[in-house]
Amino acid sequence: MNFFVTQHIVINSLKIEGISNSSVCQIGSAGIIKPVSKLYNTGGFTEPAPQVGPLPTSGLEEFVPLIPLVQPSPVRSGTLR
């Protein structure tokens, strides 16, 4: 049995925090996901990377999200009915 899926997906922004050799990022439907591992040393490096130094600061004391968030509603004490 064959299924044909037509999709229209628009992604304005996609932020990936981390990725490893076994990571899968799936957007939409996939019939079969086959594992593949391709490791390349494209830079010709022969030593491990140097240790990371301190992260730069932006000068902003407060985190400002890219998506505006609404304030959470206050929690009422009492029993739920």
PDB file of N, CA and C in Angstrom:
ATOM      1  N   MET A   1       0.847  -1.165   0.000  1.00  0.00           N
ATOM      2  CA  MET A   1       0.000   0.000   0.000  1.00  0.00           C
ATOM      3  C   MET A   1       0.899   1.237   0.000  1.00  0.00           C
ATOM      4  N   ASN A   2       0.610   2.176  -0.858  1.00  0.00           N
ATOM      5  CA  ASN A   2       1.387   3.409  -0.949  1.00  0.00           C
ATOM      6  C   ASN A   2       0.546   4.582  -0.467  1.00  0.00           C
ATOM      7  N   PHE A   3       1.162   5.430   0.317  1.00  0.00           N
ATOM      8  CA  PHE A   3       0.534   6.672   0.750  1.00  0.00           C
ATOM      9  C   PHE A   3       1.292   7.814   0.114  1.00  0.00           C
ATOM     10  N   PHE A   4       0.592   8.751  -0.430  1.00  0.00           N
ATOM     11  CA  PHE A   4       1.204   9.944  -0.994  1.00  0.00           C
ATOM     12  C   PHE A   4       0.770  11.131  -0.152  1.00  0.00           C
ATOM     13  N   VAL A   5       1.731  11.799   0.454  1.00  0.00           N
ATOM     14  CA  VAL A   5       1.455  12.923   1.339  1.00  0.00           C
ATOM     15  C   VAL A   5       1.986  14.181   0.684  1.00  0.00           C
ATOM     16  N   THR A   6       1.119  15.170   0.550  1.00  0.00           N
ATOM     17  CA  THR A   6       1.525  16.471   0.031  1.00  0.00           C
ATOM     18  C   THR A   6       1.535  17.449   1.193  1.00  0.00           C
ATOM     19  N   GLN A   7       2.645  18.129   1.387  1.00  0.00           N
ATOM     20  CA  GLN A   7       2.774  19.055   2.506  1.00  0.00           C
ATOM     21  C   GLN A   7       3.320  20.378   2.019  1.00  0.00           C
ATOM     22  N   HIS A   8       2.925  21.425   2.723  1.00  0.00           N
ATOM     23  CA  HIS A   8       3.483  22.756   2.504  1.00  0.00           C
ATOM     24  C   HIS A   8       3.919  23.250   3.875  1.00  0.00           C
ATOM     25  N   ILE A   9       5.205  23.317   4.094  1.00  0.00           N
ATOM     26  CA  ILE A   9       5.751  23.682   5.400  1.00  0.00           C
ATOM     27  C   ILE A   9       6.594  24.928   5.230  1.00  0.00           C
ATOM     28  N   VAL A  10       6.320  25.937   6.060  1.00  0.00           N
ATOM     29  CA  VAL A  10       7.095  27.177   6.054  1.00  0.00           C
ATOM     30  C   VAL A  10       7.735  27.315   7.424  1.00  0.00           C
ATOM     31  N   ILE A  11       9.043  27.415   7.446  1.00  0.00           N
ATOM     32  CA  ILE A  11       9.775  27.594   8.698  1.00  0.00           C
ATOM     33  C   ILE A  11      10.513  28.917   8.603  1.00  0.00           C
ATOM     34  N   ASN A  12      10.116  29.863   9.445  1.00  0.00           N
ATOM     35  CA  ASN A  12      10.774  31.164   9.439  1.00  0.00           C
ATOM     36  C   ASN A  12      12.076  31.141  10.226  1.00  0.00           C
ATOM     37  N   SER A  13      12.123  30.338  11.270  1.00  0.00           N
ATOM     38  CA  SER A  13      13.332  30.270  12.089  1.00  0.00           C
ATOM     39  C   SER A  13      13.399  28.893  12.733  1.00  0.00           C
ATOM     40  N   LEU A  14      14.573  28.309  12.731  1.00  0.00           N
ATOM     41  CA  LEU A  14      14.786  27.009  13.355  1.00  0.00           C
ATOM     42  C   LEU A  14      16.099  27.081  14.113  1.00  0.00           C
ATOM     43  N   LYS A  15      16.028  26.914  15.430  1.00  0.00           N
ATOM     44  CA  LYS A  15      17.228  26.973  16.257  1.00  0.00           C
ATOM     45  C   LYS A  15      17.475  25.588  16.836  1.00  0.00           C
ATOM     46  N   ILE A  16      18.637  25.045  16.567  1.00  0.00           N
ATOM     47  CA  ILE A  16      19.018  23.740  17.083  1.00  0.00           C
ATOM     48  C   ILE A  16      20.105  23.965  18.116  1.00  0.00           C
ATOM     49  N   GLU A  17      19.825  23.555  19.354  1.00  0.00           N
ATOM     50  CA  GLU A  17      20.765  23.778  20.455  1.00  0.00           C
ATOM     51  C   GLU A  17      21.980  22.865  20.357  1.00  0.00           C
ATOM     52  N   GLY A  18      21.793  21.651  19.933  1.00  0.00           N
ATOM     53  CA  GLY A  18      22.922  20.732  19.859  1.00  0.00           C
ATOM     54  C   GLY A  18      22.642  19.634  18.861  1.00  0.00           C
ATOM     55  N   ILE A  19      23.701  19.052  18.353  1.00  0.00           N
ATOM     56  CA  ILE A  19      23.540  17.973  17.381  1.00  0.00           C
ATOM     57  C   ILE A  19      24.664  16.966  17.609  1.00  0.00           C
ATOM     58  N   SER A  20      24.349  15.720  17.422  1.00  0.00           N
ATOM     59  CA  SER A  20      25.359  14.676  17.577  1.00  0.00           C
ATOM     60  C   SER A  20      25.227  13.705  16.410  1.00  0.00           C
ATOM     61  N   ASN A  21      26.026  12.668  16.435  1.00  0.00           N
ATOM     62  CA  ASN A  21      26.016  11.709  15.328  1.00  0.00           C
ATOM     63  C   ASN A  21      24.693  10.968  15.207  1.00  0.00           C
ATOM     64  N   SER A  22      23.942  10.882  16.304  1.00  0.00           N
ATOM     65  CA  SER A  22      22.688  10.130  16.260  1.00  0.00           C
ATOM     66  C   SER A  22      21.468  11.038  16.254  1.00  0.00           C
ATOM     67  N   SER A  23      21.632  12.320  15.952  1.00  0.00           N
ATOM     68  CA  SER A  23      20.508  13.249  15.968  1.00  0.00           C
ATOM     69  C   SER A  23      19.649  13.100  14.722  1.00  0.00           C
ATOM     70  N   VAL A  24      18.346  13.305  14.908  1.00  0.00           N
ATOM     71  CA  VAL A  24      17.399  13.294  13.799  1.00  0.00           C
ATOM     72  C   VAL A  24      16.552  14.549  13.908  1.00  0.00           C
ATOM     73  N   CYS A  25      16.505  15.322  12.852  1.00  0.00           N
ATOM     74  CA  CYS A  25      15.630  16.493  12.785  1.00  0.00           C
ATOM     75  C   CYS A  25      14.617  16.207  11.687  1.00  0.00           C
ATOM     76  N   GLN A  26      13.392  15.903  12.090  1.00  0.00           N
ATOM     77  CA  GLN A  26      12.360  15.546  11.118  1.00  0.00           C
ATOM     78  C   GLN A  26      11.348  16.668  11.036  1.00  0.00           C
ATOM     79  N   ILE A  27      11.097  17.122   9.837  1.00  0.00           N
ATOM     80  CA  ILE A  27      10.077  18.130   9.587  1.00  0.00           C
ATOM     81  C   ILE A  27       9.132  17.525   8.566  1.00  0.00           C
ATOM     82  N   GLY A  28       7.888  17.323   8.961  1.00  0.00           N
ATOM     83  CA  GLY A  28       6.925  16.716   8.059  1.00  0.00           C
ATOM     84  C   GLY A  28       6.919  15.209   8.185  1.00  0.00           C
ATOM     85  N   SER A  29       6.351  14.557   7.200  1.00  0.00           N
ATOM     86  CA  SER A  29       6.206  13.099   7.220  1.00  0.00           C
ATOM     87  C   SER A  29       7.414  12.426   6.590  1.00  0.00           C
ATOM     88  N   ALA A  30       7.769  11.292   7.148  1.00  0.00           N
ATOM     89  CA  ALA A  30       8.855  10.494   6.584  1.00  0.00           C
ATOM     90  C   ALA A  30       8.404   9.045   6.585  1.00  0.00           C
ATOM     91  N   GLY A  31       8.532   8.385   5.458  1.00  0.00           N
ATOM     92  CA  GLY A  31       8.148   6.985   5.390  1.00  0.00           C
ATOM     93  C   GLY A  31       9.137   6.113   6.127  1.00  0.00           C
ATOM     94  N   ILE A  32      10.398   6.256   5.817  1.00  0.00           N
ATOM     95  CA  ILE A  32      11.451   5.459   6.441  1.00  0.00           C
ATOM     96  C   ILE A  32      12.625   6.385   6.738  1.00  0.00           C
ATOM     97  N   ILE A  33      13.142   6.290   7.953  1.00  0.00           N
ATOM     98  CA  ILE A  33      14.356   7.022   8.308  1.00  0.00           C
ATOM     99  C   ILE A  33      15.467   5.993   8.440  1.00  0.00           C
ATOM    100  N   LYS A  34      16.424   6.041   7.551  1.00  0.00           N
ATOM    101  CA  LYS A  34      17.531   5.089   7.570  1.00  0.00           C
ATOM    102  C   LYS A  34      18.735   5.738   8.247  1.00  0.00           C
ATOM    103  N   PRO A  35      19.335   5.054   9.223  1.00  0.00           N
ATOM    104  CA  PRO A  35      20.497   5.630   9.889  1.00  0.00           C
ATOM    105  C   PRO A  35      21.706   5.681   8.961  1.00  0.00           C
ATOM    106  N   VAL A  36      22.371   6.816   8.967  1.00  0.00           N
ATOM    107  CA  VAL A  36      23.575   7.011   8.167  1.00  0.00           C
ATOM    108  C   VAL A  36      24.560   7.792   9.029  1.00  0.00           C
ATOM    109  N   SER A  37      25.797   7.400   9.017  1.00  0.00           N
ATOM    110  CA  SER A  37      26.830   8.122   9.745  1.00  0.00           C
ATOM    111  C   SER A  37      27.976   8.414   8.789  1.00  0.00           C
ATOM    112  N   LYS A  38      28.212   9.693   8.552  1.00  0.00           N
ATOM    113  CA  LYS A  38      29.301  10.110   7.673  1.00  0.00           C
ATOM    114  C   LYS A  38      30.178  11.084   8.451  1.00  0.00           C
ATOM    115  N   LEU A  39      31.359  10.652   8.792  1.00  0.00           N
ATOM    116  CA  LEU A  39      32.285  11.487   9.547  1.00  0.00           C
ATOM    117  C   LEU A  39      33.408  11.927   8.620  1.00  0.00           C
ATOM    118  N   TYR A  40      33.581  13.224   8.505  1.00  0.00           N
ATOM    119  CA  TYR A  40      34.601  13.770   7.620  1.00  0.00           C
ATOM    120  C   TYR A  40      35.488  14.737   8.392  1.00  0.00           C
ATOM    121  N   ASN A  41      36.757  14.738   8.095  1.00  0.00           N
ATOM    122  CA  ASN A  41      37.682  15.728   8.622  1.00  0.00           C
ATOM    123  C   ASN A  41      38.006  16.665   7.464  1.00  0.00           C
ATOM    124  N   THR A  42      37.092  17.577   7.176  1.00  0.00           N
ATOM    125  CA  THR A  42      37.236  18.429   5.999  1.00  0.00           C
ATOM    126  C   THR A  42      38.314  19.483   6.168  1.00  0.00           C
ATOM    127  N   GLY A  43      38.702  19.778   7.400  1.00  0.00           N
ATOM    128  CA  GLY A  43      39.727  20.794   7.614  1.00  0.00           C
ATOM    129  C   GLY A  43      41.125  20.231   7.723  1.00  0.00           C
ATOM    130  N   GLY A  44      41.259  18.919   7.719  1.00  0.00           N
ATOM    131  CA  GLY A  44      42.564  18.308   7.833  1.00  0.00           C
ATOM    132  C   GLY A  44      43.176  18.481   9.216  1.00  0.00           C
ATOM    133  N   PHE A  45      42.348  18.552  10.253  1.00  0.00           N
ATOM    134  CA  PHE A  45      42.848  18.767  11.610  1.00  0.00           C
ATOM    135  C   PHE A  45      43.524  17.508  12.126  1.00  0.00           C
ATOM    136  N   THR A  46      44.605  17.688  12.891  1.00  0.00           N
ATOM    137  CA  THR A  46      45.329  16.552  13.450  1.00  0.00           C
ATOM    138  C   THR A  46      45.309  16.547  14.969  1.00  0.00           C
ATOM    139  N   GLU A  47      44.787  17.621  15.599  1.00  0.00           N
ATOM    140  CA  GLU A  47      44.744  17.725  17.060  1.00  0.00           C
ATOM    141  C   GLU A  47      43.324  18.062  17.495  1.00  0.00           C
ATOM    142  N   PRO A  48      43.016  17.812  18.783  1.00  0.00           N
ATOM    143  CA  PRO A  48      41.712  18.243  19.292  1.00  0.00           C
ATOM    144  C   PRO A  48      41.602  19.771  19.266  1.00  0.00           C
ATOM    145  N   ALA A  49      40.377  20.257  19.242  1.00  0.00           N
ATOM    146  CA  ALA A  49      40.140  21.701  19.245  1.00  0.00           C
ATOM    147  C   ALA A  49      40.562  22.294  20.584  1.00  0.00           C
ATOM    148  N   PRO A  50      41.003  23.550  20.612  1.00  0.00           N
ATOM    149  CA  PRO A  50      41.373  24.174  21.882  1.00  0.00           C
ATOM    150  C   PRO A  50      40.151  24.364  22.774  1.00  0.00           C
ATOM    151  N   GLN A  51      40.409  24.491  24.079  1.00  0.00           N
ATOM    152  CA  GLN A  51      39.331  24.701  25.037  1.00  0.00           C
ATOM    153  C   GLN A  51      38.652  26.044  24.785  1.00  0.00           C
ATOM    154  N   VAL A  52      37.363  26.085  25.065  1.00  0.00           N
ATOM    155  CA  VAL A  52      36.584  27.304  24.863  1.00  0.00           C
ATOM    156  C   VAL A  52      36.859  28.271  26.008  1.00  0.00           C
ATOM    157  N   GLY A  53      37.022  29.535  25.676  1.00  0.00           N
ATOM    158  CA  GLY A  53      37.220  30.567  26.686  1.00  0.00           C
ATOM    159  C   GLY A  53      35.885  31.057  27.217  1.00  0.00           C
ATOM    160  N   PRO A  54      35.899  32.137  27.993  1.00  0.00           N
ATOM    161  CA  PRO A  54      34.640  32.667  28.533  1.00  0.00           C
ATOM    162  C   PRO A  54      33.749  33.192  27.408  1.00  0.00           C
ATOM    163  N   LEU A  55      32.440  33.027  27.589  1.00  0.00           N
ATOM    164  CA  LEU A  55      31.487  33.489  26.592  1.00  0.00           C
ATOM    165  C   LEU A  55      31.385  35.006  26.620  1.00  0.00           C
ATOM    166  N   PRO A  56      31.209  35.639  25.472  1.00  0.00           N
ATOM    167  CA  PRO A  56      31.056  37.094  25.467  1.00  0.00           C
ATOM    168  C   PRO A  56      29.726  37.497  26.087  1.00  0.00           C
ATOM    169  N   THR A  57      29.712  38.649  26.708  1.00  0.00           N
ATOM    170  CA  THR A  57      28.479  39.157  27.304  1.00  0.00           C
ATOM    171  C   THR A  57      27.878  40.201  26.388  1.00  0.00           C
ATOM    172  N   SER A  58      26.559  40.281  26.399  1.00  0.00           N
ATOM    173  CA  SER A  58      25.867  41.219  25.516  1.00  0.00           C
ATOM    174  C   SER A  58      25.605  42.552  26.195  1.00  0.00           C
ATOM    175  N   GLY A  59      25.791  42.629  27.498  1.00  0.00           N
ATOM    176  CA  GLY A  59      25.509  43.862  28.212  1.00  0.00           C
ATOM    177  C   GLY A  59      24.072  43.932  28.689  1.00  0.00           C
ATOM    178  N   LEU A  60      23.221  43.050  28.203  1.00  0.00           N
ATOM    179  CA  LEU A  60      21.835  43.033  28.656  1.00  0.00           C
ATOM    180  C   LEU A  60      21.744  42.178  29.910  1.00  0.00           C
ATOM    181  N   GLU A  61      21.158  42.725  30.942  1.00  0.00           N
ATOM    182  CA  GLU A  61      21.026  41.990  32.193  1.00  0.00           C
ATOM    183  C   GLU A  61      19.828  41.045  32.156  1.00  0.00           C
ATOM    184  N   GLU A  62      18.834  41.372  31.343  1.00  0.00           N
ATOM    185  CA  GLU A  62      17.611  40.591  31.308  1.00  0.00           C
ATOM    186  C   GLU A  62      17.494  39.876  29.973  1.00  0.00           C
ATOM    187  N   PHE A  63      17.059  38.628  30.027  1.00  0.00           N
ATOM    188  CA  PHE A  63      16.857  37.862  28.803  1.00  0.00           C
ATOM    189  C   PHE A  63      15.600  38.350  28.104  1.00  0.00           C
ATOM    190  N   VAL A  64      15.709  38.638  26.829  1.00  0.00           N
ATOM    191  CA  VAL A  64      14.562  39.073  26.040  1.00  0.00           C
ATOM    192  C   VAL A  64      14.293  38.004  24.986  1.00  0.00           C
ATOM    193  N   PRO A  65      13.136  37.304  25.070  1.00  0.00           N
ATOM    194  CA  PRO A  65      12.864  36.257  24.090  1.00  0.00           C
ATOM    195  C   PRO A  65      12.577  36.839  22.714  1.00  0.00           C
ATOM    196  N   LEU A  66      12.872  36.062  21.680  1.00  0.00           N
ATOM    197  CA  LEU A  66      12.591  36.497  20.323  1.00  0.00           C
ATOM    198  C   LEU A  66      11.099  36.490  20.029  1.00  0.00           C
ATOM    199  N   ILE A  67      10.353  35.618  20.708  1.00  0.00           N
ATOM    200  CA  ILE A  67       8.905  35.551  20.543  1.00  0.00           C
ATOM    201  C   ILE A  67       8.275  36.211  21.755  1.00  0.00           C
ATOM    202  N   PRO A  68       7.412  37.217  21.568  1.00  0.00           N
ATOM    203  CA  PRO A  68       6.798  37.858  22.731  1.00  0.00           C
ATOM    204  C   PRO A  68       5.934  36.865  23.505  1.00  0.00           C
ATOM    205  N   LEU A  69       6.139  36.814  24.796  1.00  0.00           N
ATOM    206  CA  LEU A  69       5.407  35.896  25.654  1.00  0.00           C
ATOM    207  C   LEU A  69       4.422  36.673  26.513  1.00  0.00           C
ATOM    208  N   VAL A  70       3.273  36.070  26.798  1.00  0.00           N
ATOM    209  CA  VAL A  70       2.283  36.711  27.659  1.00  0.00           C
ATOM    210  C   VAL A  70       2.617  36.392  29.106  1.00  0.00           C
ATOM    211  N   GLN A  71       2.204  37.277  29.996  1.00  0.00           N
ATOM    212  CA  GLN A  71       2.414  37.045  31.418  1.00  0.00           C
ATOM    213  C   GLN A  71       1.539  35.877  31.860  1.00  0.00           C
ATOM    214  N   PRO A  72       2.049  34.989  32.715  1.00  0.00           N
ATOM    215  CA  PRO A  72       1.220  33.884  33.192  1.00  0.00           C
ATOM    216  C   PRO A  72       0.093  34.402  34.071  1.00  0.00           C
ATOM    217  N   SER A  73      -1.045  33.729  34.014  1.00  0.00           N
ATOM    218  CA  SER A  73      -2.174  34.145  34.841  1.00  0.00           C
ATOM    219  C   SER A  73      -1.885  33.777  36.288  1.00  0.00           C
ATOM    220  N   PRO A  74      -2.397  34.579  37.228  1.00  0.00           N
ATOM    221  CA  PRO A  74      -2.134  34.285  38.642  1.00  0.00           C
ATOM    222  C   PRO A  74      -2.815  32.982  39.059  1.00  0.00           C
ATOM    223  N   VAL A  75      -2.183  32.282  39.984  1.00  0.00           N
ATOM    224  CA  VAL A  75      -2.715  31.018  40.483  1.00  0.00           C
ATOM    225  C   VAL A  75      -3.661  31.321  41.622  1.00  0.00           C
ATOM    226  N   ARG A  76      -4.865  30.789  41.543  1.00  0.00           N
ATOM    227  CA  ARG A  76      -5.855  30.987  42.604  1.00  0.00           C
ATOM    228  C   ARG A  76      -5.765  29.828  43.574  1.00  0.00           C
ATOM    229  N   SER A  77      -5.802  30.146  44.844  1.00  0.00           N
ATOM    230  CA  SER A  77      -5.785  29.075  45.838  1.00  0.00           C
ATOM    231  C   SER A  77      -7.211  28.593  46.058  1.00  0.00           C
ATOM    232  N   GLY A  78      -7.361  27.366  46.460  1.00  0.00           N
ATOM    233  CA  GLY A  78      -8.684  26.787  46.678  1.00  0.00           C
ATOM    234  C   GLY A  78      -8.803  25.476  45.950  1.00  0.00           C
ATOM    235  N   THR A  79      -9.975  24.926  45.989  1.00  0.00           N
ATOM    236  CA  THR A  79     -10.186  23.632  45.351  1.00  0.00           C
ATOM    237  C   THR A  79     -10.739  23.827  43.951  1.00  0.00           C
ATOM    238  N   LEU A  80     -10.402  22.907  43.092  1.00  0.00           N
ATOM    239  CA  LEU A  80     -10.937  22.918  41.737  1.00  0.00           C
ATOM    240  C   LEU A  80     -12.243  22.144  41.709  1.00  0.00           C
ATOM    241  N   ARG A  81     -13.194  22.621  40.965  1.00  0.00           N
ATOM    242  CA  ARG A  81     -14.490  21.936  40.883  1.00  0.00           C
ATOM    243  C   ARG A  81     -14.744  21.490  39.485  1.00  0.00           C
TER     244      ARG A  81
END
